[in-house]
Amino acid sequence: MLQMSGIAHVATLAPDPAFSSADLLGLRRSLAVHAAGGLVVLLVTTTLSVLKPRGLTRYGWWKLQRQ
């Protein structure tokens, strides 16, 4: 959502014939870095949810014994 202002700016400049893609190098880098960061976050959370320990944790075992 933070990148929407930059994308809207590009959309307004796109019809201009003097517009060059070299003018957008910073915006392209920013979009790529943010997309890669989001992908890393999703991969980490997916990996942690798949590779969770089997069985009860210490807290679960303690709670089971307490009942």
PDB file of N, CA and C in Angstrom:
ATOM      1  N   MET A   1       0.818  -1.192   0.000  1.00  0.00           N
ATOM      2  CA  MET A   1       0.000   0.000   0.000  1.00  0.00           C
ATOM      3  C   MET A   1       0.866   1.263   0.000  1.00  0.00           C
ATOM      4  N   LEU A   2       2.060   1.144   0.581  1.00  0.00           N
ATOM      5  CA  LEU A   2       2.926   2.321   0.618  1.00  0.00           C
ATOM      6  C   LEU A   2       3.463   2.680  -0.766  1.00  0.00           C
ATOM      7  N   GLN A   3       3.473   1.752  -1.679  1.00  0.00           N
ATOM      8  CA  GLN A   3       4.012   1.988  -3.009  1.00  0.00           C
ATOM      9  C   GLN A   3       2.980   2.550  -3.983  1.00  0.00           C
ATOM     10  N   MET A   4       1.741   2.661  -3.566  1.00  0.00           N
ATOM     11  CA  MET A   4       0.680   3.095  -4.475  1.00  0.00           C
ATOM     12  C   MET A   4       0.883   4.520  -4.984  1.00  0.00           C
ATOM     13  N   SER A   5       1.451   5.392  -4.187  1.00  0.00           N
ATOM     14  CA  SER A   5       1.660   6.766  -4.663  1.00  0.00           C
ATOM     15  C   SER A   5       2.673   6.792  -5.808  1.00  0.00           C
ATOM     16  N   GLY A   6       3.715   5.992  -5.711  1.00  0.00           N
ATOM     17  CA  GLY A   6       4.697   5.919  -6.797  1.00  0.00           C
ATOM     18  C   GLY A   6       4.116   5.320  -8.056  1.00  0.00           C
ATOM     19  N   ILE A   7       3.291   4.303  -7.903  1.00  0.00           N
ATOM     20  CA  ILE A   7       2.660   3.674  -9.057  1.00  0.00           C
ATOM     21  C   ILE A   7       1.669   4.641  -9.717  1.00  0.00           C
ATOM     22  N   ALA A   8       0.933   5.384  -8.910  1.00  0.00           N
ATOM     23  CA  ALA A   8       0.001   6.377  -9.456  1.00  0.00           C
ATOM     24  C   ALA A   8       0.757   7.470 -10.203  1.00  0.00           C
ATOM     25  N   HIS A   9       1.917   7.864  -9.688  1.00  0.00           N
ATOM     26  CA  HIS A   9       2.753   8.875 -10.357  1.00  0.00           C
ATOM     27  C   HIS A   9       3.207   8.371 -11.725  1.00  0.00           C
ATOM     28  N   VAL A  10       3.605   7.127 -11.799  1.00  0.00           N
ATOM     29  CA  VAL A  10       4.030   6.546 -13.077  1.00  0.00           C
ATOM     30  C   VAL A  10       2.857   6.476 -14.044  1.00  0.00           C
ATOM     31  N   ALA A  11       1.681   6.139 -13.542  1.00  0.00           N
ATOM     32  CA  ALA A  11       0.505   6.046 -14.400  1.00  0.00           C
ATOM     33  C   ALA A  11       0.154   7.397 -15.014  1.00  0.00           C
ATOM     34  N   THR A  12       0.373   8.476 -14.289  1.00  0.00           N
ATOM     35  CA  THR A  12       0.077   9.801 -14.855  1.00  0.00           C
ATOM     36  C   THR A  12       1.139  10.239 -15.863  1.00  0.00           C
ATOM     37  N   LEU A  13       2.370   9.778 -15.697  1.00  0.00           N
ATOM     38  CA  LEU A  13       3.443  10.160 -16.622  1.00  0.00           C
ATOM     39  C   LEU A  13       3.524   9.261 -17.853  1.00  0.00           C
ATOM     40  N   ALA A  14       2.944   8.084 -17.822  1.00  0.00           N
ATOM     41  CA  ALA A  14       3.097   7.111 -18.904  1.00  0.00           C
ATOM     42  C   ALA A  14       2.647   7.617 -20.278  1.00  0.00           C
ATOM     43  N   PRO A  15       1.563   8.356 -20.412  1.00  0.00           N
ATOM     44  CA  PRO A  15       1.156   8.810 -21.756  1.00  0.00           C
ATOM     45  C   PRO A  15       2.096   9.855 -22.371  1.00  0.00           C
ATOM     46  N   ASP A  16       2.938  10.475 -21.586  1.00  0.00           N
ATOM     47  CA  ASP A  16       3.843  11.512 -22.083  1.00  0.00           C
ATOM     48  C   ASP A  16       4.899  10.884 -22.994  1.00  0.00           C
ATOM     49  N   PRO A  17       5.058  11.361 -24.244  1.00  0.00           N
ATOM     50  CA  PRO A  17       6.039  10.770 -25.163  1.00  0.00           C
ATOM     51  C   PRO A  17       7.489  11.004 -24.716  1.00  0.00           C
ATOM     52  N   ALA A  18       7.737  12.007 -23.926  1.00  0.00           N
ATOM     53  CA  ALA A  18       9.101  12.281 -23.468  1.00  0.00           C
ATOM     54  C   ALA A  18       9.470  11.441 -22.244  1.00  0.00           C
ATOM     55  N   PHE A  19       8.560  10.632 -21.789  1.00  0.00           N
ATOM     56  CA  PHE A  19       8.770   9.815 -20.603  1.00  0.00           C
ATOM     57  C   PHE A  19       9.738   8.682 -20.914  1.00  0.00           C
ATOM     58  N   SER A  20      10.724   8.502 -20.059  1.00  0.00           N
ATOM     59  CA  SER A  20      11.724   7.449 -20.248  1.00  0.00           C
ATOM     60  C   SER A  20      11.699   6.487 -19.062  1.00  0.00           C
ATOM     61  N   SER A  21      11.910   5.213 -19.334  1.00  0.00           N
ATOM     62  CA  SER A  21      11.909   4.234 -18.243  1.00  0.00           C
ATOM     63  C   SER A  21      13.133   4.402 -17.339  1.00  0.00           C
ATOM     64  N   ALA A  22      14.150   5.092 -17.821  1.00  0.00           N
ATOM     65  CA  ALA A  22      15.335   5.345 -16.995  1.00  0.00           C
ATOM     66  C   ALA A  22      15.012   6.298 -15.845  1.00  0.00           C
ATOM     67  N   ASP A  23      13.936   7.066 -15.983  1.00  0.00           N
ATOM     68  CA  ASP A  23      13.533   7.987 -14.921  1.00  0.00           C
ATOM     69  C   ASP A  23      12.992   7.247 -13.697  1.00  0.00           C
ATOM     70  N   LEU A  24      12.679   5.988 -13.859  1.00  0.00           N
ATOM     71  CA  LEU A  24      12.024   5.233 -12.801  1.00  0.00           C
ATOM     72  C   LEU A  24      12.930   4.199 -12.131  1.00  0.00           C
ATOM     73  N   LEU A  25      14.213   4.347 -12.244  1.00  0.00           N
ATOM     74  CA  LEU A  25      15.127   3.346 -11.699  1.00  0.00           C
ATOM     75  C   LEU A  25      14.951   3.184 -10.191  1.00  0.00           C
ATOM     76  N   GLY A  26      14.808   4.267  -9.465  1.00  0.00           N
ATOM     77  CA  GLY A  26      14.620   4.199  -8.013  1.00  0.00           C
ATOM     78  C   GLY A  26      13.316   3.522  -7.633  1.00  0.00           C
ATOM     79  N   LEU A  27      12.248   3.844  -8.358  1.00  0.00           N
ATOM     80  CA  LEU A  27      10.952   3.235  -8.076  1.00  0.00           C
ATOM     81  C   LEU A  27      10.971   1.747  -8.377  1.00  0.00           C
ATOM     82  N   ARG A  28      11.618   1.355  -9.463  1.00  0.00           N
ATOM     83  CA  ARG A  28      11.695  -0.073  -9.797  1.00  0.00           C
ATOM     84  C   ARG A  28      12.479  -0.834  -8.749  1.00  0.00           C
ATOM     85  N   ARG A  29      13.573  -0.252  -8.267  1.00  0.00           N
ATOM     86  CA  ARG A  29      14.349  -0.913  -7.212  1.00  0.00           C
ATOM     87  C   ARG A  29      13.529  -1.051  -5.941  1.00  0.00           C
ATOM     88  N   SER A  30      12.815   0.001  -5.594  1.00  0.00           N
ATOM     89  CA  SER A  30      11.998  -0.025  -4.386  1.00  0.00           C
ATOM     90  C   SER A  30      10.920  -1.099  -4.478  1.00  0.00           C
ATOM     91  N   LEU A  31      10.254  -1.182  -5.612  1.00  0.00           N
ATOM     92  CA  LEU A  31       9.217  -2.205  -5.785  1.00  0.00           C
ATOM     93  C   LEU A  31       9.812  -3.604  -5.709  1.00  0.00           C
ATOM     94  N   ALA A  32      10.968  -3.816  -6.314  1.00  0.00           N
ATOM     95  CA  ALA A  32      11.597  -5.138  -6.291  1.00  0.00           C
ATOM     96  C   ALA A  32      12.033  -5.517  -4.881  1.00  0.00           C
ATOM     97  N   VAL A  33      12.598  -4.569  -4.143  1.00  0.00           N
ATOM     98  CA  VAL A  33      13.049  -4.855  -2.779  1.00  0.00           C
ATOM     99  C   VAL A  33      11.861  -5.168  -1.879  1.00  0.00           C
ATOM    100  N   HIS A  34      10.799  -4.404  -1.987  1.00  0.00           N
ATOM    101  CA  HIS A  34       9.624  -4.644  -1.156  1.00  0.00           C
ATOM    102  C   HIS A  34       8.940  -5.963  -1.517  1.00  0.00           C
ATOM    103  N   ALA A  35       8.891  -6.294  -2.796  1.00  0.00           N
ATOM    104  CA  ALA A  35       8.300  -7.567  -3.199  1.00  0.00           C
ATOM    105  C   ALA A  35       9.145  -8.736  -2.690  1.00  0.00           C
ATOM    106  N   ALA A  36      10.461  -8.610  -2.784  1.00  0.00           N
ATOM    107  CA  ALA A  36      11.340  -9.670  -2.284  1.00  0.00           C
ATOM    108  C   ALA A  36      11.223  -9.810  -0.769  1.00  0.00           C
ATOM    109  N   GLY A  37      11.124  -8.701  -0.069  1.00  0.00           N
ATOM    110  CA  GLY A  37      10.954  -8.750   1.388  1.00  0.00           C
ATOM    111  C   GLY A  37       9.656  -9.426   1.783  1.00  0.00           C
ATOM    112  N   GLY A  38       8.586  -9.114   1.083  1.00  0.00           N
ATOM    113  CA  GLY A  38       7.306  -9.765   1.354  1.00  0.00           C
ATOM    114  C   GLY A  38       7.357 -11.250   1.090  1.00  0.00           C
ATOM    115  N   LEU A  39       8.044 -11.636   0.028  1.00  0.00           N
ATOM    116  CA  LEU A  39       8.197 -13.055  -0.293  1.00  0.00           C
ATOM    117  C   LEU A  39       8.986 -13.778   0.782  1.00  0.00           C
ATOM    118  N   VAL A  40      10.037 -13.159   1.284  1.00  0.00           N
ATOM    119  CA  VAL A  40      10.830 -13.765   2.360  1.00  0.00           C
ATOM    120  C   VAL A  40       9.983 -13.962   3.612  1.00  0.00           C
ATOM    121  N   VAL A  41       9.181 -12.980   3.964  1.00  0.00           N
ATOM    122  CA  VAL A  41       8.316 -13.099   5.145  1.00  0.00           C
ATOM    123  C   VAL A  41       7.328 -14.245   4.969  1.00  0.00           C
ATOM    124  N   LEU A  42       6.726 -14.352   3.798  1.00  0.00           N
ATOM    125  CA  LEU A  42       5.785 -15.441   3.555  1.00  0.00           C
ATOM    126  C   LEU A  42       6.464 -16.800   3.582  1.00  0.00           C
ATOM    127  N   LEU A  43       7.656 -16.905   3.022  1.00  0.00           N
ATOM    128  CA  LEU A  43       8.378 -18.182   3.034  1.00  0.00           C
ATOM    129  C   LEU A  43       8.792 -18.586   4.442  1.00  0.00           C
ATOM    130  N   VAL A  44       9.198 -17.630   5.254  1.00  0.00           N
ATOM    131  CA  VAL A  44       9.594 -17.942   6.636  1.00  0.00           C
ATOM    132  C   VAL A  44       8.392 -18.428   7.427  1.00  0.00           C
ATOM    133  N   THR A  45       7.265 -17.752   7.319  1.00  0.00           N
ATOM    134  CA  THR A  45       6.089 -18.180   8.069  1.00  0.00           C
ATOM    135  C   THR A  45       5.577 -19.541   7.592  1.00  0.00           C
ATOM    136  N   THR A  46       5.651 -19.794   6.291  1.00  0.00           N
ATOM    137  CA  THR A  46       5.241 -21.097   5.773  1.00  0.00           C
ATOM    138  C   THR A  46       6.167 -22.193   6.266  1.00  0.00           C
ATOM    139  N   THR A  47       7.464 -21.934   6.252  1.00  0.00           N
ATOM    140  CA  THR A  47       8.430 -22.918   6.726  1.00  0.00           C
ATOM    141  C   THR A  47       8.233 -23.215   8.207  1.00  0.00           C
ATOM    142  N   LEU A  48       8.015 -22.195   8.993  1.00  0.00           N
ATOM    143  CA  LEU A  48       7.804 -22.402  10.424  1.00  0.00           C
ATOM    144  C   LEU A  48       6.512 -23.163  10.702  1.00  0.00           C
ATOM    145  N   SER A  49       5.492 -22.956   9.898  1.00  0.00           N
ATOM    146  CA  SER A  49       4.242 -23.663  10.133  1.00  0.00           C
ATOM    147  C   SER A  49       4.328 -25.127   9.704  1.00  0.00           C
ATOM    148  N   VAL A  50       5.167 -25.433   8.732  1.00  0.00           N
ATOM    149  CA  VAL A  50       5.318 -26.811   8.273  1.00  0.00           C
ATOM    150  C   VAL A  50       6.294 -27.580   9.153  1.00  0.00           C
ATOM    151  N   LEU A  51       7.366 -26.949   9.580  1.00  0.00           N
ATOM    152  CA  LEU A  51       8.411 -27.625  10.334  1.00  0.00           C
ATOM    153  C   LEU A  51       8.254 -27.448  11.841  1.00  0.00           C
ATOM    154  N   LYS A  52       7.037 -27.431  12.313  1.00  0.00           N
ATOM    155  CA  LYS A  52       6.812 -27.285  13.752  1.00  0.00           C
ATOM    156  C   LYS A  52       7.092 -28.613  14.454  1.00  0.00           C
ATOM    157  N   PRO A  53       7.415 -28.593  15.730  1.00  0.00           N
ATOM    158  CA  PRO A  53       7.717 -29.833  16.439  1.00  0.00           C
ATOM    159  C   PRO A  53       6.475 -30.707  16.590  1.00  0.00           C
ATOM    160  N   ARG A  54       6.687 -32.015  16.583  1.00  0.00           N
ATOM    161  CA  ARG A  54       5.585 -32.961  16.742  1.00  0.00           C
ATOM    162  C   ARG A  54       5.283 -33.154  18.222  1.00  0.00           C
ATOM    163  N   GLY A  55       4.064 -33.531  18.496  1.00  0.00           N
ATOM    164  CA  GLY A  55       3.682 -33.838  19.862  1.00  0.00           C
ATOM    165  C   GLY A  55       3.417 -32.594  20.682  1.00  0.00           C
ATOM    166  N   LEU A  56       3.327 -32.818  21.980  1.00  0.00           N
ATOM    167  CA  LEU A  56       3.049 -31.721  22.902  1.00  0.00           C
ATOM    168  C   LEU A  56       4.311 -30.952  23.251  1.00  0.00           C
ATOM    169  N   THR A  57       4.140 -29.683  23.469  1.00  0.00           N
ATOM    170  CA  THR A  57       5.239 -28.874  23.986  1.00  0.00           C
ATOM    171  C   THR A  57       5.314 -29.068  25.497  1.00  0.00           C
ATOM    172  N   ARG A  58       6.316 -28.489  26.124  1.00  0.00           N
ATOM    173  CA  ARG A  58       6.430 -28.597  27.578  1.00  0.00           C
ATOM    174  C   ARG A  58       5.201 -28.011  28.266  1.00  0.00           C
ATOM    175  N   TYR A  59       4.721 -26.903  27.748  1.00  0.00           N
ATOM    176  CA  TYR A  59       3.542 -26.277  28.330  1.00  0.00           C
ATOM    177  C   TYR A  59       2.320 -27.181  28.173  1.00  0.00           C
ATOM    178  N   GLY A  60       2.134 -27.763  26.995  1.00  0.00           N
ATOM    179  CA  GLY A  60       1.010 -28.661  26.774  1.00  0.00           C
ATOM    180  C   GLY A  60       1.088 -29.898  27.642  1.00  0.00           C
ATOM    181  N   TRP A  61       2.281 -30.456  27.798  1.00  0.00           N
ATOM    182  CA  TRP A  61       2.478 -31.623  28.650  1.00  0.00           C
ATOM    183  C   TRP A  61       2.169 -31.268  30.107  1.00  0.00           C
ATOM    184  N   TRP A  62       2.634 -30.120  30.565  1.00  0.00           N
ATOM    185  CA  TRP A  62       2.390 -29.669  31.931  1.00  0.00           C
ATOM    186  C   TRP A  62       0.888 -29.465  32.167  1.00  0.00           C
ATOM    187  N   LYS A  63       0.219 -28.863  31.200  1.00  0.00           N
ATOM    188  CA  LYS A  63      -1.202 -28.598  31.327  1.00  0.00           C
ATOM    189  C   LYS A  63      -1.992 -29.900  31.342  1.00  0.00           C
ATOM    190  N   LEU A  64      -1.576 -30.898  30.548  1.00  0.00           N
ATOM    191  CA  LEU A  64      -2.227 -32.184  30.516  1.00  0.00           C
ATOM    192  C   LEU A  64      -2.064 -32.914  31.853  1.00  0.00           C
ATOM    193  N   GLN A  65      -0.885 -32.844  32.407  1.00  0.00           N
ATOM    194  CA  GLN A  65      -0.636 -33.497  33.699  1.00  0.00           C
ATOM    195  C   GLN A  65      -1.383 -32.822  34.840  1.00  0.00           C
ATOM    196  N   ARG A  66      -1.597 -31.539  34.707  1.00  0.00           N
ATOM    197  CA  ARG A  66      -2.259 -30.770  35.738  1.00  0.00           C
ATOM    198  C   ARG A  66      -3.744 -31.136  35.858  1.00  0.00           C
ATOM    199  N   GLN A  67      -4.345 -31.531  34.727  1.00  0.00           N
ATOM    200  CA  GLN A  67      -5.763 -31.896  34.740  1.00  0.00           C
ATOM    201  C   GLN A  67      -5.878 -33.243  35.314  1.00  0.00           C
TER     202      GLN A  67
END
